[in-house]
């Protein structure tokens, strides 16, 4: 979100393309000589011209810069950044399919990068949070061991890790702390085998004690703090949101991601209030942090969520693909 000082300047609308290959790698381009920040690496894109929609601007920029025609684009994250010369609103799109062979029409450098191993520099500072967001997987699972039993939960989690799950939240509100500590320790040991990341719900002290990769804040905890619980870059911090106010609070704290819901009725609250997909899409339209859709979802809802701008989906049931 823009700061008060950013809002005093005219904001330049810019589109930026995260061009993604099926193997997970994405394209960075190096700004050519003669431009501001020449030699810096960035996501391709440029200024939105008068009368253009964002997608029209994206299509034009990628044709002019790289000689490709966009087939499949997904709206993703929107960030406002203040450079010394201008304040820009970066509208990021994920480009999943295109026609044509990539060519550097402006004599810019091209380099495919892995989210976990970005090895070009320098990178335009506005893009640093985007590189971090690209390391987040599309599925965020949530435990419910208190409901199905610890042993069953551990079996389910191991199966999910074997199937590719790489981000898990331990959320056991009713579990006694010693049991929770032991359960968390076992889950984290499993996760390390598969290079998966584990977050602890609400308990920052426990997260550090068991060597978790981060903490997930319930909405009430999110709204009660004024600064991010930790500034350590490797320690993830997510939060649960249900409305625009909570989403804005998470953005102000520069959290790594949020879950937003419930989108659909859930097994535990079949008659509860839900956002629905339309309201969900409106709430995240200009979100500056990655958003996972939550509530009554299965893995086959992932495409729908991402087409609406979500980073992915969060699941409590259906953690493993064969459940």
Protein backbone atom coordinates (compact mmCIF):
# COMPACT_ATOMS: atom_id res chain seq x y z
CA UNK A 1 0.00 0.00 0.00
CA UNK A 2 1.19 3.54 -0.59
CA UNK A 3 2.41 5.67 2.30
CA UNK A 4 1.05 9.15 3.02
CA UNK A 5 4.10 10.70 1.38
CA UNK A 6 3.61 8.55 -1.71
CA UNK A 7 0.03 9.71 -2.04
CA UNK A 8 1.12 13.36 -2.30
CA UNK A 9 2.79 12.62 -5.66
CA UNK A 10 1.15 11.69 -8.92
CA UNK A 11 1.35 7.93 -9.23
CA UNK A 12 2.59 6.48 -12.51
CA UNK A 13 0.77 3.29 -13.49
CA UNK A 14 3.15 0.55 -14.61
CA UNK A 15 2.64 -3.07 -15.65
CA UNK A 16 5.21 -5.76 -14.85
CA UNK A 17 5.25 -9.30 -16.21
CA UNK A 18 6.36 -12.35 -14.28
CA UNK A 19 6.86 -14.65 -17.28
CA UNK A 20 6.86 -18.20 -15.94
CA UNK A 21 7.96 -21.48 -17.47
CA UNK A 22 6.36 -24.82 -16.52
CA UNK A 23 9.54 -25.71 -14.60
CA UNK A 24 8.95 -22.78 -12.23
CA UNK A 25 11.66 -20.49 -13.58
CA UNK A 26 10.82 -16.87 -14.39
CA UNK A 27 12.35 -14.23 -16.66
CA UNK A 28 14.33 -11.18 -15.57
CA UNK A 29 15.56 -8.57 -18.04
CA UNK A 30 18.46 -6.15 -17.69
CA UNK A 31 17.76 -2.51 -18.45
CA UNK A 32 19.78 -1.36 -21.46
CA UNK A 33 22.19 1.56 -21.53
CA UNK A 34 20.70 5.02 -21.81
CA UNK A 35 17.79 4.32 -19.45
CA UNK A 36 17.40 5.18 -15.78
CA UNK A 37 18.91 2.38 -13.69
CA UNK A 38 20.67 0.94 -16.73
CA UNK A 39 22.26 -2.41 -15.90
CA UNK A 40 19.66 -3.22 -13.23
CA UNK A 41 17.59 -6.38 -13.54
CA UNK A 42 13.81 -6.19 -13.48
CA UNK A 43 10.60 -7.82 -14.62
CA UNK A 44 9.70 -6.76 -18.18
CA UNK A 45 6.92 -4.21 -18.62
CA UNK A 46 6.47 -0.47 -18.66
CA UNK A 47 4.27 2.56 -18.29
CA UNK A 48 0.55 2.32 -19.01
CA UNK A 49 -0.34 4.71 -21.82
CA UNK A 50 -3.41 6.93 -21.82
CA UNK A 51 -6.54 4.99 -22.77
CA UNK A 52 -4.99 1.56 -22.21
CA UNK A 53 -6.30 -1.06 -19.83
CA UNK A 54 -3.67 -2.84 -17.76
CA UNK A 55 -3.83 -5.99 -19.86
CA UNK A 56 -3.63 -3.99 -23.10
CA UNK A 57 -0.55 -2.26 -21.79
CA UNK A 58 0.97 -5.60 -20.80
CA UNK A 59 0.35 -7.07 -24.24
CA UNK A 60 1.87 -4.04 -25.98
CA UNK A 61 4.95 -3.91 -23.74
CA UNK A 62 5.77 -7.59 -24.13
CA UNK A 63 5.40 -7.38 -27.90
CA UNK A 64 7.62 -4.28 -28.11
CA UNK A 65 10.26 -5.56 -25.67
CA UNK A 66 10.31 -9.31 -26.29
CA UNK A 67 8.35 -10.05 -29.45
CA UNK A 68 5.78 -12.30 -27.80
CA UNK A 69 1.99 -12.35 -27.79
CA UNK A 70 0.34 -13.06 -24.45
CA UNK A 71 -2.04 -16.02 -24.38
CA UNK A 72 -2.63 -16.48 -20.65
CA UNK A 73 -2.10 -13.77 -18.01
CA UNK A 74 -3.18 -13.70 -14.36
CA UNK A 75 -3.42 -10.55 -12.28
CA UNK A 76 -1.26 -10.98 -9.16
CA UNK A 77 0.22 -8.38 -6.79
CA UNK A 78 0.08 -4.56 -6.87
CA UNK A 79 2.76 -2.51 -5.14
CA UNK A 80 3.42 1.22 -4.85
CA UNK A 81 7.10 2.20 -4.76
CA UNK A 82 8.76 5.59 -4.44
CA UNK A 83 11.80 6.15 -6.62
CA UNK A 84 13.64 9.49 -6.40
CA UNK A 85 12.28 10.46 -9.83
CA UNK A 86 8.72 9.09 -9.53
CA UNK A 87 6.17 7.15 -7.52
CA UNK A 88 4.99 4.11 -9.44
CA UNK A 89 2.18 1.63 -8.98
CA UNK A 90 3.47 -1.72 -10.21
CA UNK A 91 0.67 -3.98 -11.41
CA UNK A 92 2.18 -7.46 -11.58
CA UNK A 93 0.81 -10.16 -13.85
CA UNK A 94 1.84 -13.79 -14.07
CA UNK A 95 2.30 -14.74 -17.72
CA UNK A 96 1.76 -18.47 -18.11
CA UNK A 97 1.52 -18.89 -21.88
CA UNK A 98 2.60 -16.91 -24.92
CA UNK A 99 3.22 -17.16 -28.64
CA UNK A 100 6.54 -16.34 -30.24
CA UNK A 101 10.21 -16.71 -29.42
CA UNK A 102 11.59 -14.40 -26.74
CA UNK A 103 14.01 -11.92 -28.23
CA UNK A 104 15.66 -8.83 -26.68
CA UNK A 105 14.26 -6.21 -29.03
CA UNK A 106 15.71 -3.36 -26.93
CA UNK A 107 19.11 -5.05 -26.59
CA UNK A 108 18.32 -5.84 -22.96
CA UNK A 109 19.75 -8.87 -21.20
CA UNK A 110 17.49 -11.90 -20.64
CA UNK A 111 17.98 -14.46 -17.89
CA UNK A 112 15.74 -17.26 -16.60
CA UNK A 113 15.93 -17.48 -12.81
CA UNK A 114 14.82 -19.92 -10.12
CA UNK A 115 12.82 -18.43 -7.20
CA UNK A 116 15.18 -20.10 -4.73
CA UNK A 117 18.40 -19.09 -6.50
CA UNK A 118 18.35 -15.62 -8.02
CA UNK A 119 21.92 -15.04 -9.13
CA UNK A 120 21.83 -11.78 -11.09
CA UNK A 121 22.40 -8.32 -9.65
CA UNK A 122 21.73 -5.53 -9.08
CA UNK A 123 17.94 -5.86 -9.05
CA UNK A 124 15.60 -2.89 -9.01
CA UNK A 125 14.62 -2.40 -5.34
CA UNK A 126 10.88 -2.39 -6.07
CA UNK A 127 11.17 -6.03 -7.13
CA UNK A 128 12.71 -7.45 -3.94
CA UNK A 129 9.34 -8.35 -2.30
CA UNK A 130 8.22 -9.97 -5.55
CA UNK A 131 11.22 -12.28 -5.59
CA UNK A 132 10.35 -13.28 -2.03
CA UNK A 133 6.71 -13.88 -2.97
CA UNK A 134 7.75 -16.14 -5.85
CA UNK A 135 9.24 -18.56 -3.32
CA UNK A 136 5.80 -19.20 -1.84
CA UNK A 137 4.16 -22.38 -3.16
CA UNK A 138 0.56 -22.35 -4.43
CA UNK A 139 -0.81 -24.68 -1.74
CA UNK A 140 -0.75 -23.74 1.96
CA UNK A 141 -1.92 -26.60 4.19
CA UNK A 142 -3.24 -26.37 7.75
CA UNK A 143 -3.16 -29.16 10.32
CA UNK A 144 -6.15 -30.48 12.27
CA UNK A 145 -4.51 -33.15 14.42
CA UNK A 146 -6.81 -32.43 17.36
CA UNK A 147 -9.68 -33.61 15.18
CA UNK A 148 -8.19 -36.66 13.43
CA UNK A 149 -5.50 -37.66 15.94
CA UNK A 150 -1.77 -37.00 16.02
CA UNK A 151 -0.69 -40.27 14.40
CA UNK A 152 -3.19 -39.96 11.57
CA UNK A 153 -2.16 -36.36 11.09
CA UNK A 154 1.54 -37.24 10.86
CA UNK A 155 0.79 -39.91 8.25
CA UNK A 156 -1.32 -37.44 6.29
CA UNK A 157 1.39 -34.75 6.47
CA UNK A 158 4.14 -37.13 5.36
CA UNK A 159 2.02 -38.23 2.40
CA UNK A 160 1.40 -34.60 1.46
CA UNK A 161 5.11 -33.78 1.64
CA UNK A 162 5.84 -36.78 -0.57
CA UNK A 163 3.30 -35.44 -3.07
CA UNK A 164 4.95 -32.02 -3.18
CA UNK A 165 3.42 -29.94 -0.37
CA UNK A 166 5.97 -27.32 0.71
CA UNK A 167 4.15 -24.95 3.10
CA UNK A 168 2.27 -26.01 6.24
CA UNK A 169 0.72 -24.24 9.20
CA UNK A 170 0.44 -26.04 12.55
CA UNK A 171 -2.88 -24.81 13.93
CA UNK A 172 -3.92 -26.73 17.03
CA UNK A 173 -5.86 -24.36 19.27
CA UNK A 174 -6.97 -27.00 21.78
CA UNK A 175 -3.81 -29.09 22.01
CA UNK A 176 -1.97 -29.01 25.36
CA UNK A 177 1.35 -27.18 25.01
CA UNK A 178 3.66 -30.12 25.72
CA UNK A 179 1.80 -32.22 23.17
CA UNK A 180 1.89 -29.32 20.73
CA UNK A 181 5.64 -28.92 21.22
CA UNK A 182 6.21 -32.64 20.56
CA UNK A 183 3.86 -32.67 17.57
CA UNK A 184 5.50 -29.56 16.10
CA UNK A 185 8.96 -31.04 16.54
CA UNK A 186 7.94 -34.19 14.66
CA UNK A 187 6.30 -32.23 11.85
CA UNK A 188 9.33 -29.96 11.43
CA UNK A 189 11.65 -32.97 11.30
CA UNK A 190 9.50 -34.41 8.51
CA UNK A 191 9.44 -31.07 6.71
CA UNK A 192 13.22 -30.77 6.67
CA UNK A 193 13.45 -34.07 4.82
CA UNK A 194 11.40 -32.58 1.99
CA UNK A 195 12.69 -28.98 2.25
CA UNK A 196 9.21 -27.83 3.24
CA UNK A 197 8.47 -24.86 5.47
CA UNK A 198 6.37 -24.96 8.65
CA UNK A 199 4.65 -22.06 10.42
CA UNK A 200 3.22 -22.09 13.94
CA UNK A 201 -0.14 -20.49 14.55
CA UNK A 202 0.00 -17.47 16.90
CA UNK A 203 2.76 -18.65 19.28
CA UNK A 204 5.91 -16.79 18.25
CA UNK A 205 7.88 -18.11 21.22
CA UNK A 206 7.03 -21.72 20.32
CA UNK A 207 7.90 -21.09 16.68
CA UNK A 208 11.41 -20.06 17.68
CA UNK A 209 11.69 -22.84 20.27
CA UNK A 210 10.97 -25.64 17.79
CA UNK A 211 12.87 -24.06 14.90
CA UNK A 212 9.83 -23.35 12.74
CA UNK A 213 10.15 -21.29 9.58
CA UNK A 214 7.67 -18.67 10.70
CA UNK A 215 4.47 -17.73 12.46
CA UNK A 216 0.87 -17.33 11.31
CA UNK A 217 -1.12 -14.61 13.08
CA UNK A 218 -4.88 -14.98 13.72
CA UNK A 219 -6.83 -11.85 12.75
CA UNK A 220 -7.25 -10.74 16.37
CA UNK A 221 -3.48 -10.93 16.94
CA UNK A 222 -2.83 -9.14 13.65
CA UNK A 223 -5.06 -6.23 14.65
CA UNK A 224 -3.42 -5.93 18.08
CA UNK A 225 0.17 -5.29 16.92
CA UNK A 226 1.83 -2.27 15.36
CA UNK A 227 4.95 -3.86 13.93
CA UNK A 228 5.95 -7.11 12.30
CA UNK A 229 6.84 -9.73 14.96
CA UNK A 230 10.31 -10.23 13.46
CA UNK A 231 12.45 -8.48 10.90
CA UNK A 232 14.50 -11.57 10.11
CA UNK A 233 14.09 -12.11 6.37
CA UNK A 234 14.14 -15.90 6.61
CA UNK A 235 11.35 -15.98 9.25
CA UNK A 236 8.01 -15.97 7.46
CA UNK A 237 5.03 -14.10 8.84
CA UNK A 238 1.51 -14.69 7.53
CA UNK A 239 -1.91 -13.76 8.84
CA UNK A 240 -5.60 -14.60 8.62
CA UNK A 241 -7.90 -11.92 7.19
CA UNK A 242 -11.63 -11.72 6.68
CA UNK A 243 -12.18 -8.17 5.43
CA UNK A 244 -10.53 -5.10 3.90
CA UNK A 245 -9.48 -3.64 7.25
CA UNK A 246 -7.53 -6.72 8.24
CA UNK A 247 -6.00 -7.01 4.78
CA UNK A 248 -4.82 -3.40 5.00
CA UNK A 249 -3.30 -4.05 8.43
CA UNK A 250 -1.30 -6.97 7.03
CA UNK A 251 -0.08 -4.82 4.16
CA UNK A 252 1.05 -2.05 6.51
CA UNK A 253 3.10 -4.59 8.48
CA UNK A 254 4.66 -5.88 5.24
CA UNK A 255 3.72 -9.47 6.03
CA UNK A 256 4.83 -12.19 3.64
CA UNK A 257 1.30 -13.33 2.80
CA UNK A 258 -2.26 -13.57 4.08
CA UNK A 259 -5.12 -16.04 3.86
CA UNK A 260 -8.51 -14.50 3.13
CA UNK A 261 -11.85 -16.16 3.71
CA UNK A 262 -13.99 -18.02 4.19
CA UNK A 263 -14.71 -18.05 0.48
CA UNK A 264 -17.19 -20.95 0.66
CA UNK A 265 -19.06 -22.78 3.44
CA UNK A 266 -16.83 -25.05 5.51
CA UNK A 267 -17.46 -28.42 7.11
CA UNK A 268 -17.33 -26.93 10.61
CA UNK A 269 -19.41 -23.83 9.72
CA UNK A 270 -21.75 -24.93 6.90
CA UNK A 271 -24.20 -22.07 7.58
CA UNK A 272 -21.63 -19.39 8.37
CA UNK A 273 -21.15 -16.15 6.48
CA UNK A 274 -18.88 -16.43 3.43
CA UNK A 275 -17.19 -13.98 1.05
CA UNK A 276 -17.98 -15.80 -2.18
CA UNK A 277 -15.62 -15.62 -5.15
CA UNK A 278 -16.82 -12.21 -6.40
CA UNK A 279 -16.21 -10.40 -3.12
CA UNK A 280 -12.94 -12.25 -2.63
CA UNK A 281 -11.76 -10.99 -6.04
CA UNK A 282 -12.77 -7.40 -5.25
CA UNK A 283 -10.95 -7.43 -1.91
CA UNK A 284 -7.65 -8.63 -3.36
CA UNK A 285 -7.74 -6.60 -6.57
CA UNK A 286 -4.94 -4.25 -5.48
CA UNK A 287 -3.40 -6.31 -2.69
CA UNK A 288 0.31 -5.69 -2.15
CA UNK A 289 0.93 -9.07 -0.51
CA UNK A 290 0.28 -12.59 -1.84
CA UNK A 291 -3.19 -13.83 -0.88
CA UNK A 292 -4.30 -17.43 -0.36
CA UNK A 293 -8.02 -18.16 -0.68
CA UNK A 294 -9.38 -20.11 2.32
CA UNK A 295 -12.60 -21.81 3.30
CA UNK A 296 -14.36 -24.85 1.91
CA UNK A 297 -11.83 -25.31 -0.87
CA UNK A 298 -10.25 -28.34 -2.52
CA UNK A 299 -7.22 -28.62 -4.77
CA UNK A 300 -9.40 -28.30 -7.86
CA UNK A 301 -10.26 -24.73 -6.76
CA UNK A 302 -6.64 -23.59 -7.29
CA UNK A 303 -7.07 -22.49 -10.89
CA UNK A 304 -10.19 -20.47 -10.10
CA UNK A 305 -8.44 -18.70 -7.21
CA UNK A 306 -5.38 -17.82 -9.28
CA UNK A 307 -7.45 -16.56 -12.20
CA UNK A 308 -9.02 -14.10 -9.74
CA UNK A 309 -5.63 -12.86 -8.55
CA UNK A 310 -4.88 -15.13 -5.60
CA UNK A 311 -1.42 -16.53 -5.08
CA UNK A 312 -2.95 -19.91 -4.22
CA UNK A 313 -5.29 -21.69 -1.85
CA UNK A 314 -5.13 -22.75 1.80
CA UNK A 315 -6.47 -26.18 2.79
CA UNK A 316 -7.25 -27.87 6.07
CA UNK A 317 -8.91 -30.93 4.59
CA UNK A 318 -7.58 -32.47 1.44
CA UNK A 319 -3.95 -31.80 2.44
CA UNK A 320 -2.92 -34.92 0.57
CA UNK A 321 -4.03 -35.23 -3.03
CA UNK A 322 -5.77 -38.57 -2.54
CA UNK A 323 -7.92 -37.56 0.46
